[in-house]
Amino acid sequence: MSHLVEFSDIDTDIFCTNQASGGSGGSKKEFVKLDKGAVMTKIQAWKEGWRFHGVKMWMSDGTAQLFGSQDGDTSSFSLSNGEMLRDLYIQASGEKSSGGYYRLGGISFRTTKGREWGFFAKNLKEDGKYFYDMPNSGIVCGMFGRCGSDVDCLGFAILNPIEKARLVDVTYPNLGMVQVANTPIVVATSEYRNGTSVEQSYTMSESRTVTTECTWSVTTGLEMTLTVNVSAGVPMVAEVDTGASWTVNGESQHSRSEIITKEQSWSWPVVCPPHTEIRATGSMFQDNIDTEYEGKVHIDLKNGHDYEYNVKGIYEGLNVRQNDLEVVELGPA
């Protein structure tokens, strides 16, 4: 039978278990970073004899926490971006302290990339193993347990299986500071000659292949593990009374990174005065943007519960827009 300690602060609607393996000595300690969207990037442990002295966990937001102390033999393991746990068990010690408490005795896991790590104290017993039930999850958002100079018990805060994740409530707080493109790119040019006594009208048309891009960067780690779709308006340049400026179009659905190549067509009405030869030039602008965004990542779990946290990142975009027609008189016709 496993030796477990329950932590009521760890919400089992969100995490797959609130049980820590080991004994109930020491002081309670929790290090869970779901509110920052952070995931485990590295773990290191220290042991001596039949017990663990310490466990330290690093998170993708740059924070780290030590349970216990850094004494004894040590081993560590680092996860790569997007790598999750596939199998995990945490083992209580095989012996008890003089006060009659079990301690942490071992940690073992295998990752989604087939890598393994295990670290064990001496004199362990098979019934001290606690196997995690985490189908299609394995995302570690922190740890919880009890400790003093040793680690008395330890649990991993692992998310329940995820249905989908979305970036929502997106704003661009510095959009008004972003400059628009002011160097036109020539798309088409043509000369017109009107030898009559009345003005003549034409239409100048052109097509070319253009590429538009939009990317919302990830910032913390959890988004790098998930497929995150985006429900947001996209910054675009619009013509207003005072000139061209950035604005946000209506909310629509996007992948977190999109590159769209398409055939774009333009047409300009051309009016040539009587007895005049003109040159008409049609152009476009290519607007690049690199600006901060703020929003929320909303996670829907397969058990019907959900969770969201605030994020910040960089939006990078590239779009094209038609410029006005430029007409130059070349002389009489």
C-alpha atoms as a PDB file:
ATOM      1  CA  MET A   1       0.000   0.000   0.000  1.00  0.00           C
ATOM      2  CA  SER A   2       1.330   3.449  -0.966  1.00  0.00           C
ATOM      3  CA  HIS A   3       2.144   5.929   1.795  1.00  0.00           C
ATOM      4  CA  LEU A   4       0.297   9.117   0.798  1.00  0.00           C
ATOM      5  CA  VAL A   5      -0.454  12.564   2.193  1.00  0.00           C
ATOM      6  CA  GLU A   6      -3.392  14.539   0.766  1.00  0.00           C
ATOM      7  CA  PHE A   7      -3.127  18.259  -0.079  1.00  0.00           C
ATOM      8  CA  SER A   8      -6.573  19.856  -0.211  1.00  0.00           C
ATOM      9  CA  ASP A   9      -5.215  23.078  -1.761  1.00  0.00           C
ATOM     10  CA  ILE A  10      -4.327  21.173  -4.936  1.00  0.00           C
ATOM     11  CA  ASP A  11      -7.535  21.246  -6.989  1.00  0.00           C
ATOM     12  CA  THR A  12      -8.286  17.828  -8.498  1.00  0.00           C
ATOM     13  CA  ASP A  13     -10.651  19.476 -10.989  1.00  0.00           C
ATOM     14  CA  ILE A  14      -7.480  20.896 -12.544  1.00  0.00           C
ATOM     15  CA  PHE A  15      -4.716  18.461 -11.511  1.00  0.00           C
ATOM     16  CA  CYS A  16      -4.722  14.681 -11.820  1.00  0.00           C
ATOM     17  CA  THR A  17      -3.965  14.104  -8.118  1.00  0.00           C
ATOM     18  CA  ASN A  18      -3.463  15.937  -4.837  1.00  0.00           C
ATOM     19  CA  GLN A  19      -1.600  13.055  -3.185  1.00  0.00           C
ATOM     20  CA  ALA A  20       2.059  13.284  -2.182  1.00  0.00           C
ATOM     21  CA  SER A  21       4.132  10.168  -1.595  1.00  0.00           C
ATOM     22  CA  GLY A  22       5.954   9.854   1.748  1.00  0.00           C
ATOM     23  CA  GLY A  23       5.181  10.883   5.319  1.00  0.00           C
ATOM     24  CA  SER A  24       3.468  13.749   7.115  1.00  0.00           C
ATOM     25  CA  GLY A  25       6.433  15.185   9.014  1.00  0.00           C
ATOM     26  CA  GLY A  26       8.019  18.546   8.252  1.00  0.00           C
ATOM     27  CA  SER A  27       6.222  21.683   7.061  1.00  0.00           C
ATOM     28  CA  LYS A  28       3.808  22.037   4.182  1.00  0.00           C
ATOM     29  CA  LYS A  29       5.194  23.575   0.988  1.00  0.00           C
ATOM     30  CA  GLU A  30       3.678  24.226  -2.449  1.00  0.00           C
ATOM     31  CA  PHE A  31       5.290  25.467  -5.648  1.00  0.00           C
ATOM     32  CA  VAL A  32       2.665  25.498  -8.426  1.00  0.00           C
ATOM     33  CA  LYS A  33       2.905  27.997 -11.307  1.00  0.00           C
ATOM     34  CA  LEU A  34      -0.220  27.370 -13.389  1.00  0.00           C
ATOM     35  CA  ASP A  35      -1.272  30.984 -12.787  1.00  0.00           C
ATOM     36  CA  LYS A  36       1.787  31.977 -14.849  1.00  0.00           C
ATOM     37  CA  GLY A  37       1.390  29.222 -17.447  1.00  0.00           C
ATOM     38  CA  ALA A  38       4.784  27.850 -16.418  1.00  0.00           C
ATOM     39  CA  VAL A  39       5.906  24.223 -16.748  1.00  0.00           C
ATOM     40  CA  MET A  40       8.798  22.230 -15.329  1.00  0.00           C
ATOM     41  CA  THR A  41      12.042  22.540 -17.276  1.00  0.00           C
ATOM     42  CA  LYS A  42      14.493  20.872 -14.867  1.00  0.00           C
ATOM     43  CA  ILE A  43      14.551  18.824 -11.683  1.00  0.00           C
ATOM     44  CA  GLN A  44      17.437  18.022  -9.339  1.00  0.00           C
ATOM     45  CA  ALA A  45      17.446  15.824  -6.234  1.00  0.00           C
ATOM     46  CA  TRP A  46      19.824  15.054  -3.358  1.00  0.00           C
ATOM     47  CA  LYS A  47      19.857  11.835  -1.309  1.00  0.00           C
ATOM     48  CA  GLU A  48      21.763  10.157   1.498  1.00  0.00           C
ATOM     49  CA  GLY A  49      21.158   6.677   2.853  1.00  0.00           C
ATOM     50  CA  TRP A  50      17.464   5.794   3.004  1.00  0.00           C
ATOM     51  CA  ARG A  51      15.999   9.274   2.381  1.00  0.00           C
ATOM     52  CA  PHE A  52      16.000  12.324   0.121  1.00  0.00           C
ATOM     53  CA  HIS A  53      17.500  15.499   1.523  1.00  0.00           C
ATOM     54  CA  GLY A  54      16.244  17.809  -1.213  1.00  0.00           C
ATOM     55  CA  VAL A  55      14.381  18.307  -4.484  1.00  0.00           C
ATOM     56  CA  LYS A  56      14.643  21.462  -6.594  1.00  0.00           C
ATOM     57  CA  MET A  57      12.410  22.276  -9.565  1.00  0.00           C
ATOM     58  CA  TRP A  58      12.950  24.916 -12.246  1.00  0.00           C
ATOM     59  CA  MET A  59      10.063  26.398 -14.237  1.00  0.00           C
ATOM     60  CA  SER A  60       9.779  27.931 -17.697  1.00  0.00           C
ATOM     61  CA  ASP A  61       9.069  31.404 -16.269  1.00  0.00           C
ATOM     62  CA  GLY A  62      12.571  31.457 -14.743  1.00  0.00           C
ATOM     63  CA  THR A  63      11.556  30.665 -11.165  1.00  0.00           C
ATOM     64  CA  ALA A  64      12.844  27.763  -9.069  1.00  0.00           C
ATOM     65  CA  GLN A  65      12.117  26.312  -5.631  1.00  0.00           C
ATOM     66  CA  LEU A  66      14.013  23.982  -3.300  1.00  0.00           C
ATOM     67  CA  PHE A  67      12.256  21.575  -0.958  1.00  0.00           C
ATOM     68  CA  GLY A  68      14.631  20.406   1.799  1.00  0.00           C
ATOM     69  CA  SER A  69      18.390  20.879   1.526  1.00  0.00           C
ATOM     70  CA  GLN A  70      21.177  20.425  -1.013  1.00  0.00           C
ATOM     71  CA  ASP A  71      23.151  17.710   0.770  1.00  0.00           C
ATOM     72  CA  GLY A  72      24.348  14.290  -0.369  1.00  0.00           C
ATOM     73  CA  ASP A  73      24.589  12.589  -3.752  1.00  0.00           C
ATOM     74  CA  THR A  74      22.781  14.413  -6.530  1.00  0.00           C
ATOM     75  CA  SER A  75      21.275  13.880  -9.973  1.00  0.00           C
ATOM     76  CA  SER A  76      19.360  16.153 -12.351  1.00  0.00           C
ATOM     77  CA  PHE A  77      17.285  16.032 -15.526  1.00  0.00           C
ATOM     78  CA  SER A  78      16.323  18.781 -17.997  1.00  0.00           C
ATOM     79  CA  LEU A  79      13.278  18.720 -20.273  1.00  0.00           C
ATOM     80  CA  SER A  80      13.381  20.132 -23.788  1.00  0.00           C
ATOM     81  CA  ASN A  81      10.684  22.439 -25.180  1.00  0.00           C
ATOM     82  CA  GLY A  82       7.402  20.574 -25.536  1.00  0.00           C
ATOM     83  CA  GLU A  83       8.661  17.443 -23.756  1.00  0.00           C
ATOM     84  CA  MET A  84       6.216  16.013 -21.211  1.00  0.00           C
ATOM     85  CA  LEU A  85       6.119  13.086 -18.809  1.00  0.00           C
ATOM     86  CA  ARG A  86       4.636   9.842 -20.066  1.00  0.00           C
ATOM     87  CA  ASP A  87       5.017   7.637 -16.959  1.00  0.00           C
ATOM     88  CA  LEU A  88       5.736   8.702 -13.382  1.00  0.00           C
ATOM     89  CA  TYR A  89       5.934   7.204  -9.937  1.00  0.00           C
ATOM     90  CA  ILE A  90       7.085   8.772  -6.681  1.00  0.00           C
ATOM     91  CA  GLN A  91       8.181   6.397  -3.945  1.00  0.00           C
ATOM     92  CA  ALA A  92       8.066   6.671  -0.169  1.00  0.00           C
ATOM     93  CA  SER A  93      11.115   5.623   1.827  1.00  0.00           C
ATOM     94  CA  GLY A  94      11.435   2.028   2.950  1.00  0.00           C
ATOM     95  CA  GLU A  95      12.360   3.086   6.479  1.00  0.00           C
ATOM     96  CA  LYS A  96      10.888   5.532   8.988  1.00  0.00           C
ATOM     97  CA  SER A  97      12.458   8.351  10.955  1.00  0.00           C
ATOM     98  CA  SER A  98      12.950   8.166  14.713  1.00  0.00           C
ATOM     99  CA  GLY A  99       9.628   9.995  14.991  1.00  0.00           C
ATOM    100  CA  GLY A 100       7.870   7.267  13.013  1.00  0.00           C
ATOM    101  CA  TYR A 101       7.479   9.156   9.703  1.00  0.00           C
ATOM    102  CA  TYR A 102       8.192   7.987   6.197  1.00  0.00           C
ATOM    103  CA  ARG A 103      10.217  10.269   3.930  1.00  0.00           C
ATOM    104  CA  LEU A 104      10.603  10.643   0.183  1.00  0.00           C
ATOM    105  CA  GLY A 105      12.592   7.713  -1.190  1.00  0.00           C
ATOM    106  CA  GLY A 106      12.564   7.834  -4.991  1.00  0.00           C
ATOM    107  CA  ILE A 107      11.402   9.507  -8.205  1.00  0.00           C
ATOM    108  CA  SER A 108      11.175   7.805 -11.601  1.00  0.00           C
ATOM    109  CA  PHE A 109       9.729   8.969 -14.927  1.00  0.00           C
ATOM    110  CA  ARG A 110       9.823   8.476 -18.687  1.00  0.00           C
ATOM    111  CA  THR A 111       9.149  11.323 -21.125  1.00  0.00           C
ATOM    112  CA  THR A 112       7.267  11.666 -24.402  1.00  0.00           C
ATOM    113  CA  LYS A 113      10.652  11.601 -26.140  1.00  0.00           C
ATOM    114  CA  GLY A 114      11.495   8.207 -24.658  1.00  0.00           C
ATOM    115  CA  ARG A 115      14.062   9.515 -22.182  1.00  0.00           C
ATOM    116  CA  GLU A 116      14.154   8.228 -18.612  1.00  0.00           C
ATOM    117  CA  TRP A 117      15.324   9.501 -15.234  1.00  0.00           C
ATOM    118  CA  GLY A 118      15.276   7.829 -11.874  1.00  0.00           C
ATOM    119  CA  PHE A 119      16.881   8.611  -8.530  1.00  0.00           C
ATOM    120  CA  PHE A 120      16.467   6.357  -5.492  1.00  0.00           C
ATOM    121  CA  ALA A 121      17.465   6.141  -1.846  1.00  0.00           C
ATOM    122  CA  LYS A 122      18.440   2.833  -0.186  1.00  0.00           C
ATOM    123  CA  ASN A 123      16.237   0.100   1.289  1.00  0.00           C
ATOM    124  CA  LEU A 124      13.098   0.913  -0.705  1.00  0.00           C
ATOM    125  CA  LYS A 125      10.040  -1.327  -0.656  1.00  0.00           C
ATOM    126  CA  GLU A 126       7.848  -2.088  -3.655  1.00  0.00           C
ATOM    127  CA  ASP A 127       4.632  -1.085  -1.891  1.00  0.00           C
ATOM    128  CA  GLY A 128       5.964   2.455  -1.421  1.00  0.00           C
ATOM    129  CA  LYS A 129       5.514   3.298  -5.117  1.00  0.00           C
ATOM    130  CA  TYR A 130       2.728   5.706  -6.120  1.00  0.00           C
ATOM    131  CA  PHE A 131       2.001   5.568  -9.851  1.00  0.00           C
ATOM    132  CA  TYR A 132       0.412   8.636 -11.453  1.00  0.00           C
ATOM    133  CA  ASP A 133      -2.680   8.183 -13.609  1.00  0.00           C
ATOM    134  CA  MET A 134      -2.143  10.867 -16.267  1.00  0.00           C
ATOM    135  CA  PRO A 135      -3.420   9.684 -19.670  1.00  0.00           C
ATOM    136  CA  ASN A 136      -2.553  12.092 -22.491  1.00  0.00           C
ATOM    137  CA  SER A 137      -1.289  14.707 -20.075  1.00  0.00           C
ATOM    138  CA  GLY A 138       2.093  14.725 -18.329  1.00  0.00           C
ATOM    139  CA  ILE A 139       2.353  18.531 -18.122  1.00  0.00           C
ATOM    140  CA  VAL A 140       4.051  19.369 -14.816  1.00  0.00           C
ATOM    141  CA  CYS A 141       3.033  22.777 -13.424  1.00  0.00           C
ATOM    142  CA  GLY A 142       4.947  22.460 -10.148  1.00  0.00           C
ATOM    143  CA  MET A 143       5.280  20.339  -7.022  1.00  0.00           C
ATOM    144  CA  PHE A 144       3.900  20.150  -3.493  1.00  0.00           C
ATOM    145  CA  GLY A 145       4.882  18.312  -0.330  1.00  0.00           C
ATOM    146  CA  ARG A 146       6.250  18.577   3.183  1.00  0.00           C
ATOM    147  CA  CYS A 147       9.864  19.140   4.163  1.00  0.00           C
ATOM    148  CA  GLY A 148      12.357  20.295   6.734  1.00  0.00           C
ATOM    149  CA  SER A 149      16.024  19.447   6.324  1.00  0.00           C
ATOM    150  CA  ASP A 150      14.766  16.359   4.421  1.00  0.00           C
ATOM    151  CA  VAL A 151      11.873  15.937   1.982  1.00  0.00           C
ATOM    152  CA  ASP A 152       9.112  14.192   3.921  1.00  0.00           C
ATOM    153  CA  CYS A 153       6.694  13.749   1.005  1.00  0.00           C
ATOM    154  CA  LEU A 154       6.407  14.959  -2.576  1.00  0.00           C
ATOM    155  CA  GLY A 155       3.775  15.228  -5.308  1.00  0.00           C
ATOM    156  CA  PHE A 156       3.816  16.632  -8.838  1.00  0.00           C
ATOM    157  CA  ALA A 157       1.083  19.067  -9.950  1.00  0.00           C
ATOM    158  CA  ILE A 158       0.162  17.525 -13.312  1.00  0.00           C
ATOM    159  CA  LEU A 159      -2.671  18.928 -15.410  1.00  0.00           C
ATOM    160  CA  ASN A 160      -5.687  16.798 -16.188  1.00  0.00           C
ATOM    161  CA  PRO A 161      -6.047  15.948 -19.914  1.00  0.00           C
ATOM    162  CA  ILE A 162      -6.640  19.020 -22.071  1.00  0.00           C
ATOM    163  CA  GLU A 163      -9.414  19.344 -24.650  1.00  0.00           C
ATOM    164  CA  LYS A 164      -8.221  22.593 -26.237  1.00  0.00           C
ATOM    165  CA  ALA A 165      -6.406  25.838 -25.519  1.00  0.00           C
ATOM    166  CA  ARG A 166      -7.186  29.294 -26.903  1.00  0.00           C
ATOM    167  CA  LEU A 167      -5.598  32.722 -26.746  1.00  0.00           C
ATOM    168  CA  VAL A 168      -8.470  35.142 -26.033  1.00  0.00           C
ATOM    169  CA  ASP A 169      -9.138  38.756 -24.934  1.00  0.00           C
ATOM    170  CA  VAL A 170      -6.155  39.963 -26.961  1.00  0.00           C
ATOM    171  CA  THR A 171      -5.215  43.652 -26.916  1.00  0.00           C
ATOM    172  CA  TYR A 172      -2.264  45.587 -28.339  1.00  0.00           C
ATOM    173  CA  PRO A 173      -1.503  48.322 -25.768  1.00  0.00           C
ATOM    174  CA  ASN A 174       1.211  50.079 -27.790  1.00  0.00           C
ATOM    175  CA  LEU A 175      -0.452  49.921 -31.206  1.00  0.00           C
ATOM    176  CA  GLY A 176      -0.742  53.695 -31.467  1.00  0.00           C
ATOM    177  CA  MET A 177       3.050  54.013 -31.322  1.00  0.00           C
ATOM    178  CA  VAL A 178       3.727  51.729 -34.315  1.00  0.00           C
ATOM    179  CA  GLN A 179       4.608  53.534 -37.534  1.00  0.00           C
ATOM    180  CA  VAL A 180       3.003  52.619 -40.842  1.00  0.00           C
ATOM    181  CA  ALA A 181       4.971  52.031 -44.032  1.00  0.00           C
ATOM    182  CA  ASN A 182       5.594  55.220 -46.029  1.00  0.00           C
ATOM    183  CA  THR A 183       7.666  53.920 -48.954  1.00  0.00           C
ATOM    184  CA  PRO A 184       5.382  52.677 -51.744  1.00  0.00           C
ATOM    185  CA  ILE A 185       6.195  49.603 -53.823  1.00  0.00           C
ATOM    186  CA  VAL A 186       5.347  50.018 -57.517  1.00  0.00           C
ATOM    187  CA  VAL A 187       2.846  47.440 -58.738  1.00  0.00           C
ATOM    188  CA  ALA A 188       1.934  48.763 -62.188  1.00  0.00           C
ATOM    189  CA  THR A 189       2.743  51.688 -64.482  1.00  0.00           C
ATOM    190  CA  SER A 190       1.283  52.686 -67.827  1.00  0.00           C
ATOM    191  CA  GLU A 191       1.219  55.661 -70.199  1.00  0.00           C
ATOM    192  CA  TYR A 192      -1.973  57.064 -71.742  1.00  0.00           C
ATOM    193  CA  ARG A 193      -2.339  59.484 -74.696  1.00  0.00           C
ATOM    194  CA  ASN A 194      -5.558  61.389 -75.280  1.00  0.00           C
ATOM    195  CA  GLY A 195      -5.613  63.267 -78.605  1.00  0.00           C
ATOM    196  CA  THR A 196      -9.292  64.183 -78.358  1.00  0.00           C
ATOM    197  CA  SER A 197     -11.012  67.261 -76.993  1.00  0.00           C
ATOM    198  CA  VAL A 198     -12.773  65.364 -74.152  1.00  0.00           C
ATOM    199  CA  GLU A 199     -11.297  63.566 -71.156  1.00  0.00           C
ATOM    200  CA  GLN A 200     -11.051  59.812 -71.385  1.00  0.00           C
ATOM    201  CA  SER A 201     -11.331  57.227 -68.600  1.00  0.00           C
ATOM    202  CA  TYR A 202      -9.415  53.974 -68.269  1.00  0.00           C
ATOM    203  CA  THR A 203      -8.877  51.269 -65.675  1.00  0.00           C
ATOM    204  CA  MET A 204      -5.355  50.138 -64.879  1.00  0.00           C
ATOM    205  CA  SER A 205      -5.197  46.652 -63.344  1.00  0.00           C
ATOM    206  CA  GLU A 206      -2.446  44.415 -62.036  1.00  0.00           C
ATOM    207  CA  SER A 207      -2.049  41.206 -60.033  1.00  0.00           C
ATOM    208  CA  ARG A 208       0.849  39.772 -58.099  1.00  0.00           C
ATOM    209  CA  THR A 209       1.552  37.155 -55.460  1.00  0.00           C
ATOM    210  CA  VAL A 210       1.720  38.627 -51.959  1.00  0.00           C
ATOM    211  CA  THR A 211       2.418  37.136 -48.541  1.00  0.00           C
ATOM    212  CA  THR A 212       0.755  38.136 -45.288  1.00  0.00           C
ATOM    213  CA  GLU A 213       1.890  36.920 -41.877  1.00  0.00           C
ATOM    214  CA  CYS A 214       0.716  37.006 -38.269  1.00  0.00           C
ATOM    215  CA  THR A 215       2.369  35.415 -35.241  1.00  0.00           C
ATOM    216  CA  TRP A 216       1.570  35.645 -31.538  1.00  0.00           C
ATOM    217  CA  SER A 217       4.728  34.584 -29.694  1.00  0.00           C
ATOM    218  CA  VAL A 218       4.666  32.213 -26.730  1.00  0.00           C
ATOM    219  CA  THR A 219       6.137  33.401 -23.470  1.00  0.00           C
ATOM    220  CA  THR A 220       6.004  30.910 -20.626  1.00  0.00           C
ATOM    221  CA  GLY A 221       6.213  27.270 -21.673  1.00  0.00           C
ATOM    222  CA  LEU A 222       2.722  25.815 -21.349  1.00  0.00           C
ATOM    223  CA  GLU A 223       1.791  27.324 -24.723  1.00  0.00           C
ATOM    224  CA  MET A 224       4.839  25.624 -26.262  1.00  0.00           C
ATOM    225  CA  THR A 225       3.479  22.272 -25.104  1.00  0.00           C
ATOM    226  CA  LEU A 226      -0.051  22.844 -26.423  1.00  0.00           C
ATOM    227  CA  THR A 227      -1.627  23.649 -29.757  1.00  0.00           C
ATOM    228  CA  VAL A 228      -3.017  27.094 -29.008  1.00  0.00           C
ATOM    229  CA  ASN A 229      -5.536  28.643 -31.395  1.00  0.00           C
ATOM    230  CA  VAL A 230      -6.135  32.381 -31.365  1.00  0.00           C
ATOM    231  CA  SER A 231      -9.451  34.231 -31.146  1.00  0.00           C
ATOM    232  CA  ALA A 232      -8.427  37.816 -31.811  1.00  0.00           C
ATOM    233  CA  GLY A 233      -8.571  40.828 -34.040  1.00  0.00           C
ATOM    234  CA  VAL A 234      -5.516  41.399 -36.226  1.00  0.00           C
ATOM    235  CA  PRO A 235      -3.737  44.775 -36.509  1.00  0.00           C
ATOM    236  CA  MET A 236      -4.306  46.342 -39.931  1.00  0.00           C
ATOM    237  CA  VAL A 237      -3.576  49.753 -41.445  1.00  0.00           C
ATOM    238  CA  ALA A 238      -6.622  51.857 -42.281  1.00  0.00           C
ATOM    239  CA  GLU A 239      -6.974  55.225 -43.991  1.00  0.00           C
ATOM    240  CA  VAL A 240      -8.521  57.900 -41.755  1.00  0.00           C
ATOM    241  CA  ASP A 241      -8.957  61.661 -42.065  1.00  0.00           C
ATOM    242  CA  THR A 242      -5.528  62.314 -40.608  1.00  0.00           C
ATOM    243  CA  GLY A 243      -3.784  59.687 -42.756  1.00  0.00           C
ATOM    244  CA  ALA A 244      -2.981  56.008 -42.391  1.00  0.00           C
ATOM    245  CA  SER A 245      -2.842  54.440 -38.932  1.00  0.00           C
ATOM    246  CA  TRP A 246      -2.975  51.042 -37.283  1.00  0.00           C
ATOM    247  CA  THR A 247      -6.303  49.657 -36.134  1.00  0.00           C
ATOM    248  CA  VAL A 248      -7.630  46.220 -35.155  1.00  0.00           C
ATOM    249  CA  ASN A 249     -10.118  44.407 -37.354  1.00  0.00           C
ATOM    250  CA  GLY A 250     -12.964  42.243 -36.066  1.00  0.00           C
ATOM    251  CA  GLU A 251     -12.249  39.145 -34.002  1.00  0.00           C
ATOM    252  CA  SER A 252     -11.621  35.979 -36.016  1.00  0.00           C
ATOM    253  CA  GLN A 253     -10.010  32.572 -35.593  1.00  0.00           C
ATOM    254  CA  HIS A 254      -6.339  31.974 -36.325  1.00  0.00           C
ATOM    255  CA  SER A 255      -3.493  29.580 -35.782  1.00  0.00           C
ATOM    256  CA  ARG A 256      -0.838  30.956 -33.460  1.00  0.00           C
ATOM    257  CA  SER A 257       1.412  31.424 -36.485  1.00  0.00           C
ATOM    258  CA  GLU A 258       0.056  31.950 -39.992  1.00  0.00           C
ATOM    259  CA  ILE A 259       1.702  32.670 -43.340  1.00  0.00           C
ATOM    260  CA  ILE A 260      -0.737  33.171 -46.202  1.00  0.00           C
ATOM    261  CA  THR A 261       0.392  33.500 -49.819  1.00  0.00           C
ATOM    262  CA  LYS A 262      -2.254  34.544 -52.320  1.00  0.00           C
ATOM    263  CA  GLU A 263      -2.828  36.288 -55.628  1.00  0.00           C
ATOM    264  CA  GLN A 264      -3.776  39.914 -54.983  1.00  0.00           C
ATOM    265  CA  SER A 265      -5.475  42.037 -57.656  1.00  0.00           C
ATOM    266  CA  TRP A 266      -5.592  45.829 -57.805  1.00  0.00           C
ATOM    267  CA  SER A 267      -7.350  48.278 -60.081  1.00  0.00           C
ATOM    268  CA  TRP A 268      -7.156  52.049 -60.342  1.00  0.00           C
ATOM    269  CA  PRO A 269      -9.440  54.404 -62.307  1.00  0.00           C
ATOM    270  CA  VAL A 270      -7.377  56.609 -64.640  1.00  0.00           C
ATOM    271  CA  VAL A 271      -8.649  59.869 -66.150  1.00  0.00           C
ATOM    272  CA  CYS A 272      -6.620  61.415 -68.977  1.00  0.00           C
ATOM    273  CA  PRO A 273      -7.385  65.098 -69.772  1.00  0.00           C
ATOM    274  CA  PRO A 274      -7.964  66.256 -73.368  1.00  0.00           C
ATOM    275  CA  HIS A 275      -4.889  66.612 -75.598  1.00  0.00           C
ATOM    276  CA  THR A 276      -2.612  65.264 -72.842  1.00  0.00           C
ATOM    277  CA  GLU A 277      -0.175  62.396 -72.395  1.00  0.00           C
ATOM    278  CA  ILE A 278       0.170  61.005 -68.852  1.00  0.00           C
ATOM    279  CA  ARG A 279       1.970  58.308 -66.923  1.00  0.00           C
ATOM    280  CA  ALA A 280      -0.054  56.507 -64.207  1.00  0.00           C
ATOM    281  CA  THR A 281       1.667  54.559 -61.439  1.00  0.00           C
ATOM    282  CA  GLY A 282      -0.152  52.239 -59.058  1.00  0.00           C
ATOM    283  CA  SER A 283       1.586  51.056 -55.905  1.00  0.00           C
ATOM    284  CA  MET A 284       1.091  49.237 -52.634  1.00  0.00           C
ATOM    285  CA  PHE A 285       2.440  49.496 -49.121  1.00  0.00           C
ATOM    286  CA  GLN A 286       3.868  46.572 -47.172  1.00  0.00           C
ATOM    287  CA  ASP A 287       3.327  47.178 -43.462  1.00  0.00           C
ATOM    288  CA  ASN A 288       5.434  45.350 -40.880  1.00  0.00           C
ATOM    289  CA  ILE A 289       4.502  45.333 -37.218  1.00  0.00           C
ATOM    290  CA  ASP A 290       6.302  44.103 -34.111  1.00  0.00           C
ATOM    291  CA  THR A 291       4.402  45.074 -30.965  1.00  0.00           C
ATOM    292  CA  GLU A 292       3.443  43.777 -27.533  1.00  0.00           C
ATOM    293  CA  TYR A 293       0.165  41.978 -27.000  1.00  0.00           C
ATOM    294  CA  GLU A 294      -1.689  41.068 -23.814  1.00  0.00           C
ATOM    295  CA  GLY A 295      -4.324  38.386 -23.437  1.00  0.00           C
ATOM    296  CA  LYS A 296      -5.428  35.242 -21.662  1.00  0.00           C
ATOM    297  CA  VAL A 297      -4.828  31.579 -22.389  1.00  0.00           C
ATOM    298  CA  HIS A 298      -8.093  29.728 -21.781  1.00  0.00           C
ATOM    299  CA  ILE A 299      -7.701  25.980 -21.210  1.00  0.00           C
ATOM    300  CA  ASP A 300     -10.663  23.620 -21.533  1.00  0.00           C
ATOM    301  CA  LEU A 301     -10.089  20.274 -19.825  1.00  0.00           C
ATOM    302  CA  LYS A 302     -11.646  17.017 -20.982  1.00  0.00           C
ATOM    303  CA  ASN A 303     -13.391  16.654 -17.612  1.00  0.00           C
ATOM    304  CA  GLY A 304     -15.487  19.765 -18.331  1.00  0.00           C
ATOM    305  CA  HIS A 305     -13.541  22.188 -16.139  1.00  0.00           C
ATOM    306  CA  ASP A 306     -11.513  25.100 -17.421  1.00  0.00           C
ATOM    307  CA  TYR A 307      -8.788  27.485 -16.374  1.00  0.00           C
ATOM    308  CA  GLU A 308      -7.214  30.652 -17.728  1.00  0.00           C
ATOM    309  CA  TYR A 309      -4.182  32.788 -17.008  1.00  0.00           C
ATOM    310  CA  ASN A 310      -2.809  36.109 -18.229  1.00  0.00           C
ATOM    311  CA  VAL A 311      -0.063  36.240 -20.841  1.00  0.00           C
ATOM    312  CA  LYS A 312       2.056  38.830 -22.584  1.00  0.00           C
ATOM    313  CA  GLY A 313       4.028  38.394 -25.754  1.00  0.00           C
ATOM    314  CA  ILE A 314       5.017  39.890 -29.083  1.00  0.00           C
ATOM    315  CA  TYR A 315       2.762  40.073 -32.107  1.00  0.00           C
ATOM    316  CA  GLU A 316       4.572  40.113 -35.455  1.00  0.00           C
ATOM    317  CA  GLY A 317       2.650  40.811 -38.626  1.00  0.00           C
ATOM    318  CA  LEU A 318       3.048  41.652 -42.290  1.00  0.00           C
ATOM    319  CA  ASN A 319       0.217  42.863 -44.503  1.00  0.00           C
ATOM    320  CA  VAL A 320      -0.234  44.751 -47.765  1.00  0.00           C
ATOM    321  CA  ARG A 321      -2.579  47.568 -48.781  1.00  0.00           C
ATOM    322  CA  GLN A 322      -3.277  49.483 -51.948  1.00  0.00           C
ATOM    323  CA  ASN A 323      -1.865  52.982 -52.369  1.00  0.00           C
ATOM    324  CA  ASP A 324      -3.461  55.870 -54.268  1.00  0.00           C
ATOM    325  CA  LEU A 325      -2.749  56.313 -57.963  1.00  0.00           C
ATOM    326  CA  GLU A 326      -0.002  58.759 -58.936  1.00  0.00           C
ATOM    327  CA  VAL A 327      -0.481  60.561 -62.262  1.00  0.00           C
ATOM    328  CA  VAL A 328       2.241  62.616 -63.979  1.00  0.00           C
ATOM    329  CA  GLU A 329       1.606  64.733 -67.087  1.00  0.00           C
ATOM    330  CA  LEU A 330       4.204  64.030 -69.772  1.00  0.00           C
ATOM    331  CA  GLY A 331       3.112  66.778 -72.178  1.00  0.00           C
ATOM    332  CA  PRO A 332       0.601  67.608 -74.904  1.00  0.00           C
ATOM    333  CA  ALA A 333      -0.858  64.930 -77.145  1.00  0.00           C
END
